[in-house]
Amino acid sequence: MNRAALLARLADREPWDILVIGGGATGLGTAVEAAARGYRTLLAEAHDFAKGTSSRSTKLVHGGVRYLRQGNIGLVFEALKERGRLLANAPHLVRNLSFVVPRYDWWEGPFYGAGLKLYDLLAGSLGLGPSRLLSRAETLAEIPTVEPAGLRGGVIYHDAQFDDARLALTLARTCADLGGAPINYLALERLAKDGDGRDSRVTGALLRDRETGAEHTVAARVVVNATGIFSDAVRRLDDPDAPPLLAPSQGVHLVLDRRFLPGESAIMLPHTDDGRVLFAIPWHGRTILGTTDTPLVSGEPPLEPRALPEEVEFLLREARRHLAHPPEPADVLAVFAGLRPLVRGGSPEGTEDTAALARDHQLLAARSGLVTITGGKWTTYRKMGEDTVHLAARVAGLPERPSPTAELALRGRSEEDLGEPWSVYGSDAPTLSALAGERPEWGALLHPRLPYRTVQVVWAVRHEMARTVEDVLARRTRALLLDARASVEAAPEVARVMAAELGRDAAWQAEQVARYGELATGYILIR
């Protein structure tokens, strides 16, 4: 996947069938769907793939146990079906993970047991394993750090876990393999129209290369707005009077050492102080604790949301209640926040309970032909893309073609477990290993507290369109989340290797290190 070669395709004046704006889960899923159907597809991402919400999830591919409590059976059924498909199509990125719900009251066994049996039933043949009741001893064997006082037992069930940013990169590479053109750092400046009146149609866009400043006017038969939390802003480029669709909500996670959850199972706590579900999850040799649900009060959503002190305190307080050896602020290796593009309910602006807003997606076509897809979650990205391309093809008058993505193997598909940090590369791992053999220094660790090696920086530049130190440390690897301080210490070496690959000078290196250090400061709890 070569950015210069993809940019060169913009010089072709033939209209694109589908232009997708946004390189997160929804946009990439839509672009893969369109390219897989044989439509000429361009994706423009203003920053980096999965820069926003799509790299800041709870790292779960799941049906959503708590949606059963809300009565949203349809959403759960669809998500469980998509969970099974993703596990089959990208087993190098998605794995079966057992979850234990600890029981402290007598009624919790039959109550949660019945609900999880319904979860199993909805999953059907795509289920990952049956739920069952656990004794107290079995529960402590699965989750040895749970608070033992008053523990009666537990309920175990199965969902799936993934690496969100790596799946985004996999989708970008899959799109390119299918003939599409996914390009990062290509920003939407304005929509092109065939007139000035209310009945004018969107015919393309003016895009700007954020690296060079070069502008590209591209024609498209249909434009898809898949910009997540920024969807309303793009809709206002089309119609300044467009009413808001979204009520964004912030979710915060804390990353801890593995000693806080040393087993192979996750913990699911279904009754926190604010009524949310809380998870403690093993991930890449760390423990993720989350999440919160805080409404964004007003204004444009930030590209880099920051955890509020009360959100951090909430998570630490819940950990103190439920873990035998709870973490202190000094134990937090990283704190990250993401904004969910929740579809607005019918209540007055600013009054929604975002924990209760719809997690399923919404599609609409404006009078101008601009197609907007918003809402949803990572688990259902493929179905969102399928629905979006169905509508976009009708709007554009494209030839109708069936969706092939339900069984489409994603780039690198492999069932071999290569261990950390190689498994996320799947079938590309042997090529990466061969690259490491070219220079002995490329096999060195970037930092003693991180699992990543120098060769992964080289690979990220050559094959994954990494353009900045942040791209490498935040998304090509997950160093920023695994240990924010260690990632800052690794930044100068990453900048040096990238500069050699990209032909950058010492000033570029210094600027990149400084810029990354400033960004990473927001992920460090105690500075």
Protein backbone atom coordinates (compact mmCIF):
# COMPACT_ATOMS: atom_id res chain seq x y z
CA MET A 1 0.00 0.00 0.00
CA ASN A 2 1.91 3.00 -1.34
CA ARG A 3 0.57 6.49 -0.69
CA ALA A 4 2.36 8.17 -3.61
CA ALA A 5 0.99 5.62 -6.06
CA LEU A 6 -2.54 6.02 -4.69
CA LEU A 7 -2.31 9.82 -4.87
CA ALA A 8 -1.22 9.56 -8.51
CA ARG A 9 -4.58 7.96 -9.28
CA LEU A 10 -6.30 11.25 -8.42
CA ALA A 11 -4.99 12.70 -11.68
CA ASP A 12 -7.32 10.39 -13.60
CA ARG A 13 -10.36 12.48 -14.55
CA GLU A 14 -12.69 9.50 -14.79
CA PRO A 15 -15.34 9.87 -12.06
CA TRP A 16 -15.08 7.58 -9.09
CA ASP A 17 -18.16 5.44 -8.55
CA ILE A 18 -18.07 6.00 -4.78
CA LEU A 19 -16.08 8.56 -2.80
CA VAL A 20 -16.00 7.74 0.92
CA ILE A 21 -15.09 10.53 3.35
CA GLY A 22 -13.69 9.11 6.59
CA GLY A 23 -11.15 6.39 7.36
CA GLY A 24 -12.51 4.91 10.57
CA ALA A 25 -14.40 1.65 11.02
CA THR A 26 -17.47 2.79 9.07
CA GLY A 27 -15.64 4.43 6.19
CA LEU A 28 -13.19 1.58 5.75
CA GLY A 29 -15.97 -1.00 5.94
CA THR A 30 -17.89 0.94 3.29
CA ALA A 31 -14.83 1.25 1.05
CA VAL A 32 -14.05 -2.47 1.28
CA GLU A 33 -17.67 -3.28 0.48
CA ALA A 34 -17.70 -0.95 -2.53
CA ALA A 35 -14.37 -2.16 -3.90
CA ALA A 36 -15.36 -5.80 -3.37
CA ARG A 37 -18.45 -5.22 -5.53
CA GLY A 38 -16.24 -3.87 -8.30
CA TYR A 39 -17.14 -0.19 -7.91
CA ARG A 40 -14.35 2.31 -8.51
CA THR A 41 -13.72 3.43 -4.93
CA LEU A 42 -11.77 6.30 -3.35
CA LEU A 43 -11.51 6.83 0.42
CA ALA A 44 -10.22 10.13 1.81
CA GLU A 45 -9.17 10.35 5.47
CA ALA A 46 -8.20 13.80 6.78
CA HIS A 47 -5.79 12.42 9.37
CA ASP A 48 -4.71 8.80 9.76
CA PHE A 49 -6.77 5.64 9.49
CA ALA A 50 -8.62 5.11 12.80
CA LYS A 51 -7.14 8.30 14.25
CA GLY A 52 -10.34 9.03 16.17
CA THR A 53 -12.95 6.85 17.82
CA SER A 54 -12.03 3.71 15.88
CA SER A 55 -8.71 3.22 17.72
CA ARG A 56 -10.14 3.99 21.18
CA SER A 57 -12.71 1.23 21.71
CA THR A 58 -12.97 -1.35 24.51
CA LYS A 59 -11.37 -3.81 22.03
CA LEU A 60 -14.42 -6.11 21.99
CA VAL A 61 -16.25 -7.74 19.10
CA HIS A 62 -19.48 -8.55 20.87
CA GLY A 63 -23.22 -8.77 20.70
CA GLY A 64 -23.65 -6.47 23.66
CA VAL A 65 -24.93 -8.31 26.71
CA ARG A 66 -26.33 -5.13 28.23
CA TYR A 67 -28.48 -4.49 25.14
CA LEU A 68 -30.50 -7.56 26.15
CA ARG A 69 -31.47 -5.69 29.31
CA GLN A 70 -32.62 -2.79 27.10
CA GLY A 71 -34.71 -5.20 25.03
CA ASN A 72 -32.78 -4.51 21.81
CA ILE A 73 -32.86 -8.12 20.65
CA GLY A 74 -32.47 -7.20 16.98
CA LEU A 75 -29.20 -5.33 17.57
CA VAL A 76 -27.80 -8.20 19.65
CA PHE A 77 -28.77 -10.80 17.04
CA GLU A 78 -27.18 -8.83 14.20
CA ALA A 79 -24.02 -8.11 16.19
CA LEU A 80 -23.57 -11.76 17.19
CA LYS A 81 -23.89 -12.81 13.56
CA GLU A 82 -21.27 -10.22 12.53
CA ARG A 83 -19.03 -11.32 15.40
CA GLY A 84 -18.95 -14.84 13.99
CA ARG A 85 -18.22 -13.59 10.49
CA LEU A 86 -15.35 -11.38 11.61
CA LEU A 87 -13.80 -14.19 13.63
CA ALA A 88 -13.88 -16.35 10.48
CA ASN A 89 -12.62 -13.63 8.12
CA ALA A 90 -9.81 -12.24 10.30
CA PRO A 91 -8.77 -14.85 12.91
CA HIS A 92 -5.31 -13.23 13.16
CA LEU A 93 -6.95 -10.13 14.66
CA VAL A 94 -9.96 -11.55 16.52
CA ARG A 95 -9.99 -14.21 19.24
CA ASN A 96 -12.46 -15.98 21.48
CA LEU A 97 -12.36 -14.54 25.01
CA SER A 98 -14.16 -15.89 28.07
CA PHE A 99 -15.87 -13.42 30.42
CA VAL A 100 -16.75 -14.11 34.03
CA VAL A 101 -19.56 -12.33 35.87
CA PRO A 102 -18.82 -12.70 39.61
CA ARG A 103 -21.85 -13.50 41.83
CA TYR A 104 -22.23 -12.04 45.31
CA ASP A 105 -26.01 -12.42 45.81
CA TRP A 106 -28.05 -15.64 45.56
CA TRP A 107 -30.35 -14.29 42.84
CA GLU A 108 -27.55 -13.35 40.44
CA GLY A 109 -26.95 -16.94 39.35
CA PRO A 110 -30.38 -17.65 37.87
CA PHE A 111 -30.81 -14.04 36.69
CA TYR A 112 -27.55 -13.72 34.73
CA GLY A 113 -27.54 -17.38 33.79
CA ALA A 114 -30.91 -17.06 32.04
CA GLY A 115 -29.88 -13.88 30.23
CA LEU A 116 -26.65 -15.42 28.97
CA LYS A 117 -28.45 -18.56 27.80
CA LEU A 118 -30.56 -16.25 25.63
CA TYR A 119 -27.28 -14.71 24.39
CA ASP A 120 -26.09 -18.23 23.45
CA LEU A 121 -29.39 -18.94 21.69
CA LEU A 122 -29.20 -15.75 19.63
CA ALA A 123 -25.64 -16.60 18.51
CA GLY A 124 -26.80 -20.00 17.25
CA SER A 125 -24.22 -21.85 15.14
CA LEU A 126 -21.89 -18.83 15.31
CA GLY A 127 -21.61 -19.12 19.10
CA LEU A 128 -18.14 -19.22 20.64
CA GLY A 129 -18.96 -21.52 23.55
CA PRO A 130 -21.84 -22.15 25.97
CA SER A 131 -22.33 -20.08 29.10
CA ARG A 132 -22.47 -21.90 32.46
CA LEU A 133 -22.48 -21.33 36.19
CA LEU A 134 -19.19 -21.47 38.10
CA SER A 135 -18.56 -22.44 41.70
CA ARG A 136 -16.68 -20.06 43.97
CA ALA A 137 -13.45 -22.03 43.48
CA GLU A 138 -13.88 -22.10 39.70
CA THR A 139 -14.54 -18.37 39.65
CA LEU A 140 -11.36 -17.60 41.60
CA ALA A 141 -9.40 -19.91 39.29
CA GLU A 142 -10.62 -17.94 36.25
CA ILE A 143 -10.30 -14.44 37.77
CA PRO A 144 -7.96 -14.77 40.77
CA THR A 145 -7.79 -11.01 41.48
CA VAL A 146 -11.54 -10.52 41.97
CA GLU A 147 -12.71 -9.44 45.43
CA PRO A 148 -13.21 -12.74 47.33
CA ALA A 149 -15.22 -11.39 50.28
CA GLY A 150 -18.82 -12.57 49.90
CA LEU A 151 -18.14 -14.22 46.52
CA ARG A 152 -20.62 -17.07 45.85
CA GLY A 153 -19.51 -18.04 42.36
CA GLY A 154 -19.83 -16.73 38.84
CA VAL A 155 -21.24 -17.11 35.36
CA ILE A 156 -18.91 -17.60 32.39
CA TYR A 157 -19.78 -16.71 28.79
CA HIS A 158 -17.90 -16.07 25.57
CA ASP A 159 -17.41 -13.07 23.31
CA ALA A 160 -14.52 -11.94 21.11
CA GLN A 161 -11.64 -9.51 21.38
CA PHE A 162 -9.66 -7.68 18.72
CA ASP A 163 -7.13 -4.95 18.00
CA ASP A 164 -9.17 -2.06 16.62
CA ALA A 165 -6.46 0.03 14.94
CA ARG A 166 -4.86 -3.05 13.40
CA LEU A 167 -8.22 -4.12 11.97
CA ALA A 168 -8.59 -0.64 10.47
CA LEU A 169 -5.20 -0.98 8.76
CA THR A 170 -6.15 -4.45 7.59
CA LEU A 171 -9.32 -3.05 6.02
CA ALA A 172 -7.33 -0.28 4.30
CA ARG A 173 -4.94 -2.85 2.84
CA THR A 174 -7.84 -5.11 1.84
CA CYS A 175 -9.48 -2.19 0.06
CA ALA A 176 -6.25 -1.48 -1.83
CA ASP A 177 -5.88 -5.17 -2.72
CA LEU A 178 -9.39 -5.02 -4.20
CA GLY A 179 -8.48 -2.05 -6.42
CA GLY A 180 -9.71 0.75 -4.15
CA ALA A 181 -7.70 3.84 -3.23
CA PRO A 182 -7.65 4.47 0.55
CA ILE A 183 -5.56 7.59 1.23
CA ASN A 184 -4.73 9.11 4.61
CA TYR A 185 -3.93 12.79 5.26
CA LEU A 186 -6.27 13.74 2.42
CA ALA A 187 -8.77 16.25 3.80
CA LEU A 188 -12.19 17.26 2.52
CA GLU A 189 -12.17 21.02 1.84
CA ARG A 190 -15.61 21.32 0.26
CA LEU A 191 -18.21 19.34 -1.62
CA ALA A 192 -18.59 19.98 -5.36
CA LYS A 193 -22.10 20.55 -6.73
CA ASP A 194 -23.70 20.99 -10.11
CA GLY A 195 -25.39 24.25 -9.12
CA ASP A 196 -26.25 26.64 -6.30
CA GLY A 197 -29.94 25.94 -5.70
CA ARG A 198 -31.68 23.69 -3.21
CA ASP A 199 -31.97 20.99 -5.86
CA SER A 200 -28.26 20.96 -6.77
CA ARG A 201 -26.52 17.61 -6.59
CA VAL A 202 -23.21 16.65 -4.99
CA THR A 203 -20.88 15.66 -7.82
CA GLY A 204 -17.58 15.19 -6.02
CA ALA A 205 -15.24 17.06 -3.73
CA LEU A 206 -12.19 19.27 -3.39
CA LEU A 207 -9.58 17.33 -1.42
CA ARG A 208 -6.31 18.68 0.00
CA ASP A 209 -3.15 16.68 0.61
CA ARG A 210 -2.21 17.73 4.14
CA GLU A 211 1.45 16.87 3.55
CA THR A 212 2.06 19.02 0.48
CA GLY A 213 -0.94 21.35 0.42
CA ALA A 214 -1.78 20.18 -3.12
CA GLU A 215 -5.49 20.32 -3.96
CA HIS A 216 -7.33 17.69 -5.97
CA THR A 217 -10.77 18.12 -7.48
CA VAL A 218 -12.33 14.69 -7.88
CA ALA A 219 -15.61 13.75 -9.49
CA ALA A 220 -17.78 11.02 -7.97
CA ARG A 221 -21.13 9.53 -8.80
CA VAL A 222 -21.95 9.47 -5.09
CA VAL A 223 -20.23 10.79 -1.95
CA VAL A 224 -20.56 8.92 1.35
CA ASN A 225 -20.16 10.81 4.61
CA ALA A 226 -18.67 8.26 7.04
CA THR A 227 -16.89 10.64 9.38
CA GLY A 228 -18.25 9.34 12.69
CA ILE A 229 -18.42 12.06 15.33
CA PHE A 230 -17.80 14.67 12.60
CA SER A 231 -20.77 13.57 10.46
CA ASP A 232 -22.86 16.61 11.32
CA ALA A 233 -20.05 18.97 10.27
CA VAL A 234 -19.85 17.33 6.83
CA ARG A 235 -23.64 17.43 6.50
CA ARG A 236 -23.48 21.19 7.12
CA LEU A 237 -21.03 21.54 4.21
CA ASP A 238 -23.88 20.23 2.08
CA ASP A 239 -26.73 22.02 3.89
CA PRO A 240 -25.86 24.70 6.50
CA ASP A 241 -29.31 24.20 8.05
CA ALA A 242 -29.02 20.43 8.51
CA PRO A 243 -30.29 19.52 12.01
CA PRO A 244 -27.87 17.56 14.22
CA LEU A 245 -28.08 13.79 14.14
CA LEU A 246 -25.59 12.98 16.88
CA ALA A 247 -25.26 13.23 20.63
CA PRO A 248 -21.60 12.19 21.13
CA SER A 249 -20.66 10.37 24.31
CA GLN A 250 -17.20 9.96 25.80
CA GLY A 251 -15.84 6.65 26.96
CA VAL A 252 -12.62 6.44 29.00
CA HIS A 253 -10.34 3.44 29.64
CA LEU A 254 -7.40 2.86 31.96
CA VAL A 255 -4.53 0.56 30.96
CA LEU A 256 -2.88 -1.39 33.79
CA ASP A 257 -0.20 -3.99 34.21
CA ARG A 258 -1.14 -7.64 33.66
CA ARG A 259 -0.80 -8.40 37.39
CA PHE A 260 -4.22 -6.81 37.97
CA LEU A 261 -5.79 -9.53 35.79
CA PRO A 262 -3.26 -12.38 35.46
CA GLY A 263 -5.64 -15.01 34.07
CA GLU A 264 -6.90 -15.53 30.52
CA SER A 265 -10.51 -14.50 31.27
CA ALA A 266 -12.05 -11.03 31.40
CA ILE A 267 -14.29 -9.72 34.16
CA MET A 268 -17.70 -8.27 33.38
CA LEU A 269 -19.38 -6.25 36.13
CA PRO A 270 -23.04 -5.64 35.23
CA HIS A 271 -24.02 -3.17 37.96
CA THR A 272 -21.72 -0.19 38.50
CA ASP A 273 -22.74 2.95 40.40
CA ASP A 274 -23.99 4.63 37.20
CA GLY A 275 -25.78 1.58 35.82
CA ARG A 276 -23.21 0.81 33.13
CA VAL A 277 -21.41 -2.43 32.45
CA LEU A 278 -17.73 -2.34 33.43
CA PHE A 279 -15.05 -4.59 31.94
CA ALA A 280 -11.56 -5.61 33.01
CA ILE A 281 -9.97 -7.24 29.97
CA PRO A 282 -6.59 -8.85 29.19
CA TRP A 283 -5.14 -7.27 26.03
CA HIS A 284 -1.63 -7.44 24.54
CA GLY A 285 -0.15 -8.37 27.91
CA ARG A 286 -1.92 -5.55 29.74
CA THR A 287 -5.27 -5.05 31.49
CA ILE A 288 -7.86 -2.61 30.15
CA LEU A 289 -10.42 -1.22 32.58
CA GLY A 290 -13.46 0.62 31.21
CA THR A 291 -15.58 2.31 30.30
CA THR A 292 -17.50 5.50 31.09
CA ASP A 293 -20.40 7.19 29.31
CA THR A 294 -20.20 10.98 29.57
CA PRO A 295 -22.28 13.19 27.23
CA LEU A 296 -20.39 15.79 25.21
CA VAL A 297 -22.12 18.92 26.44
CA SER A 298 -21.65 21.36 23.54
CA GLY A 299 -19.39 22.48 20.74
CA GLU A 300 -17.57 20.60 18.01
CA PRO A 301 -16.18 17.23 19.13
CA PRO A 302 -12.40 17.30 19.69
CA LEU A 303 -10.05 15.13 17.66
CA GLU A 304 -8.11 14.30 20.84
CA PRO A 305 -10.63 13.96 23.69
CA ARG A 306 -9.21 13.90 27.20
CA ALA A 307 -10.36 11.91 30.21
CA LEU A 308 -12.09 13.98 32.88
CA PRO A 309 -10.83 13.61 36.47
CA GLU A 310 -14.23 12.33 37.57
CA GLU A 311 -14.18 9.63 34.89
CA VAL A 312 -10.79 8.38 36.06
CA GLU A 313 -11.96 8.45 39.68
CA PHE A 314 -15.10 6.49 38.75
CA LEU A 315 -13.04 3.71 37.17
CA LEU A 316 -10.59 3.56 40.07
CA ARG A 317 -13.47 3.55 42.57
CA GLU A 318 -15.16 0.64 40.78
CA ALA A 319 -11.85 -1.21 40.69
CA ARG A 320 -11.51 -0.70 44.47
CA ARG A 321 -14.95 -2.26 44.93
CA HIS A 322 -14.36 -5.32 42.78
CA LEU A 323 -10.64 -6.16 42.79
CA ALA A 324 -8.80 -7.66 45.76
CA HIS A 325 -5.72 -5.54 45.00
CA PRO A 326 -7.11 -2.41 43.33
CA PRO A 327 -4.93 -0.07 41.25
CA GLU A 328 -3.76 3.34 42.37
CA PRO A 329 -3.29 6.29 39.99
CA ALA A 330 0.45 5.57 39.84
CA ASP A 331 -0.33 2.10 38.42
CA VAL A 332 -2.03 3.49 35.30
CA LEU A 333 0.20 2.96 32.24
CA ALA A 334 -2.09 4.94 29.95
CA VAL A 335 -5.50 6.56 29.94
CA PHE A 336 -7.38 7.01 26.69
CA ALA A 337 -10.70 8.55 25.72
CA GLY A 338 -12.92 8.12 22.68
CA LEU A 339 -16.15 9.69 21.50
CA ARG A 340 -19.06 7.51 20.38
CA PRO A 341 -21.18 8.83 17.47
CA LEU A 342 -24.50 7.99 19.12
CA VAL A 343 -27.66 8.75 17.19
CA ARG A 344 -29.65 11.48 18.89
CA GLY A 345 -32.94 10.57 20.55
CA GLY A 346 -36.12 12.61 20.68
CA SER A 347 -35.33 14.54 23.87
CA PRO A 348 -34.32 18.21 23.83
CA GLU A 349 -30.75 19.01 22.89
CA GLY A 350 -28.24 18.27 25.62
CA THR A 351 -30.59 16.25 27.85
CA GLU A 352 -30.09 12.75 26.46
CA ASP A 353 -28.94 9.91 28.69
CA THR A 354 -26.23 8.71 26.31
CA ALA A 355 -26.05 5.30 27.97
CA ALA A 356 -29.58 4.73 26.64
CA LEU A 357 -29.12 6.10 23.10
CA ALA A 358 -29.13 3.77 20.11
CA ARG A 359 -25.91 1.91 19.27
CA ASP A 360 -27.29 0.76 15.93
CA HIS A 361 -26.60 2.74 12.79
CA GLN A 362 -28.59 5.27 10.81
CA LEU A 363 -28.45 5.86 7.07
CA LEU A 364 -29.87 8.78 5.13
CA ALA A 365 -29.61 10.33 1.70
CA ALA A 366 -29.89 14.11 1.46
CA ARG A 367 -31.74 15.92 -1.30
CA SER A 368 -28.32 16.58 -2.82
CA GLY A 369 -27.50 12.87 -2.98
CA LEU A 370 -24.98 13.01 -0.12
CA VAL A 371 -25.23 9.69 1.74
CA THR A 372 -24.52 9.74 5.48
CA ILE A 373 -23.89 6.67 7.62
CA THR A 374 -23.49 7.15 11.35
CA GLY A 375 -23.95 5.41 14.69
CA GLY A 376 -23.19 1.72 15.00
CA LYS A 377 -20.11 0.08 16.48
CA TRP A 378 -17.01 -1.82 15.37
CA THR A 379 -18.70 -5.23 15.59
CA THR A 380 -21.21 -4.34 12.89
CA TYR A 381 -18.86 -2.38 10.62
CA ARG A 382 -19.29 -4.87 7.76
CA LYS A 383 -23.09 -4.77 7.86
CA MET A 384 -22.97 -0.97 8.01
CA GLY A 385 -20.79 -0.96 4.91
CA GLU A 386 -23.12 -3.36 3.12
CA ASP A 387 -26.20 -1.25 3.89
CA THR A 388 -24.40 1.96 2.93
CA VAL A 389 -23.24 0.68 -0.45
CA HIS A 390 -26.73 -0.65 -1.22
CA LEU A 391 -28.11 2.87 -0.71
CA ALA A 392 -25.20 4.67 -2.37
CA ALA A 393 -25.45 2.50 -5.47
CA ARG A 394 -29.15 3.33 -5.79
CA VAL A 395 -28.50 7.05 -5.34
CA ALA A 396 -25.76 6.97 -7.99
CA GLY A 397 -27.61 4.71 -10.41
CA LEU A 398 -24.77 2.18 -10.33
CA PRO A 399 -25.36 -1.35 -11.58
CA GLU A 400 -26.76 -3.48 -8.78
CA ARG A 401 -24.30 -6.06 -7.46
CA PRO A 402 -24.60 -8.46 -4.51
CA SER A 403 -22.48 -8.10 -1.40
CA PRO A 404 -19.54 -10.55 -1.24
CA THR A 405 -18.11 -9.47 2.12
CA ALA A 406 -19.84 -11.85 4.55
CA GLU A 407 -17.23 -14.47 3.66
CA LEU A 408 -14.45 -12.20 2.37
CA ALA A 409 -11.08 -13.10 3.90
CA LEU A 410 -9.36 -9.93 5.05
CA ARG A 411 -5.74 -9.13 4.29
CA GLY A 412 -3.37 -11.44 6.18
CA ARG A 413 -6.03 -13.95 7.20
CA SER A 414 -4.31 -16.72 9.15
CA GLU A 415 -5.30 -19.08 11.93
CA GLU A 416 -1.72 -19.54 13.12
CA ASP A 417 -1.01 -17.93 16.50
CA LEU A 418 2.41 -16.33 16.18
CA GLY A 419 2.35 -14.65 19.58
CA GLU A 420 3.04 -11.03 20.47
CA PRO A 421 3.58 -8.83 18.53
CA TRP A 422 3.52 -10.83 15.28
CA SER A 423 0.03 -12.36 15.16
CA VAL A 424 -1.63 -9.12 14.01
CA TYR A 425 0.28 -9.38 10.71
CA GLY A 426 -1.19 -12.78 9.93
CA SER A 427 0.12 -14.31 6.70
CA ASP A 428 2.31 -11.21 6.13
CA ALA A 429 4.42 -12.13 9.18
CA PRO A 430 6.96 -14.26 7.24
CA THR A 431 7.64 -11.33 4.89
CA LEU A 432 8.09 -9.08 7.90
CA SER A 433 10.48 -11.63 9.40
CA ALA A 434 12.49 -11.72 6.18
CA LEU A 435 12.71 -7.92 6.24
CA ALA A 436 14.08 -8.08 9.80
CA GLY A 437 16.89 -10.29 8.51
CA GLU A 438 18.16 -7.59 6.16
CA ARG A 439 19.78 -5.59 8.99
CA PRO A 440 20.67 -6.93 12.45
CA GLU A 441 19.68 -3.65 14.15
CA TRP A 442 16.12 -3.97 12.85
CA GLY A 443 15.57 -6.88 15.21
CA ALA A 444 16.20 -4.73 18.29
CA LEU A 445 13.43 -3.80 20.72
CA LEU A 446 12.24 -0.20 20.48
CA HIS A 447 12.02 -0.08 24.29
CA PRO A 448 12.57 -2.66 27.05
CA ARG A 449 9.01 -2.18 28.37
CA LEU A 450 7.41 -2.62 24.93
CA PRO A 451 7.14 -5.77 22.75
CA TYR A 452 7.83 -3.98 19.46
CA ARG A 453 10.93 -4.12 17.27
CA THR A 454 12.56 -1.65 14.92
CA VAL A 455 11.61 -3.66 11.84
CA GLN A 456 7.94 -2.89 12.55
CA VAL A 457 8.66 0.81 12.03
CA VAL A 458 10.23 0.08 8.65
CA TRP A 459 7.28 -2.13 7.71
CA ALA A 460 4.76 0.51 8.82
CA VAL A 461 6.32 3.09 6.50
CA ARG A 462 6.81 0.79 3.52
CA HIS A 463 3.55 -1.15 3.61
CA GLU A 464 1.05 0.59 5.93
CA MET A 465 1.28 4.27 4.93
CA ALA A 466 2.63 5.46 8.30
CA ARG A 467 3.59 9.10 7.89
CA THR A 468 4.23 10.32 11.44
CA VAL A 469 5.73 9.05 14.68
CA GLU A 470 2.22 9.07 16.11
CA ASP A 471 1.00 6.79 13.32
CA VAL A 472 3.60 4.20 14.31
CA LEU A 473 3.39 4.42 18.10
CA ALA A 474 -0.38 4.90 18.41
CA ARG A 475 -1.83 2.71 15.65
CA ARG A 476 0.70 0.63 13.63
CA THR A 477 1.90 -0.54 17.02
CA ARG A 478 -0.11 0.09 20.20
CA ALA A 479 2.81 1.43 22.21
CA LEU A 480 0.97 4.60 23.24
CA LEU A 481 -1.74 2.55 24.94
CA LEU A 482 0.49 -0.18 26.39
CA ASP A 483 2.83 2.28 28.14
CA ALA A 484 2.55 5.95 27.27
CA ARG A 485 5.80 6.95 29.01
CA ALA A 486 7.78 4.19 27.32
CA SER A 487 6.37 5.25 23.95
CA VAL A 488 7.65 8.80 24.50
CA GLU A 489 11.08 7.41 25.28
CA ALA A 490 10.97 5.33 22.08
CA ALA A 491 9.89 8.27 19.90
CA PRO A 492 13.40 9.54 18.93
CA GLU A 493 14.42 6.12 17.59
CA VAL A 494 11.13 5.80 15.68
CA ALA A 495 11.65 9.26 14.18
CA ARG A 496 15.21 8.35 13.15
CA VAL A 497 14.13 5.16 11.38
CA MET A 498 11.18 6.86 9.71
CA ALA A 499 13.33 9.75 8.51
CA ALA A 500 15.66 7.31 6.78
CA GLU A 501 12.72 5.62 5.06
CA LEU A 502 10.86 8.82 4.09
CA GLY A 503 13.88 10.99 3.24
CA ARG A 504 13.25 13.48 6.05
CA ASP A 505 15.86 15.67 7.75
CA ALA A 506 16.88 16.28 11.37
CA ALA A 507 14.43 19.17 11.73
CA TRP A 508 11.56 16.84 10.79
CA GLN A 509 12.73 14.33 13.38
CA ALA A 510 12.87 16.95 16.12
CA GLU A 511 9.44 18.30 15.22
CA GLN A 512 7.94 14.81 15.20
CA VAL A 513 9.40 13.89 18.58
CA ALA A 514 8.16 17.14 20.12
CA ARG A 515 4.70 16.80 18.61
CA TYR A 516 4.38 13.20 19.74
CA GLY A 517 5.54 14.04 23.25
CA GLU A 518 2.87 16.72 23.50
CA LEU A 519 0.16 14.31 22.34
CA ALA A 520 1.29 11.46 24.61
CA THR A 521 1.21 13.73 27.65
CA GLY A 522 -2.58 13.51 27.49
CA TYR A 523 -2.36 9.72 27.92
CA ILE A 524 -0.20 9.88 31.06
CA LEU A 525 -2.27 10.10 34.23
CA ILE A 526 0.38 11.33 36.67
CA ARG A 527 2.81 13.74 35.04
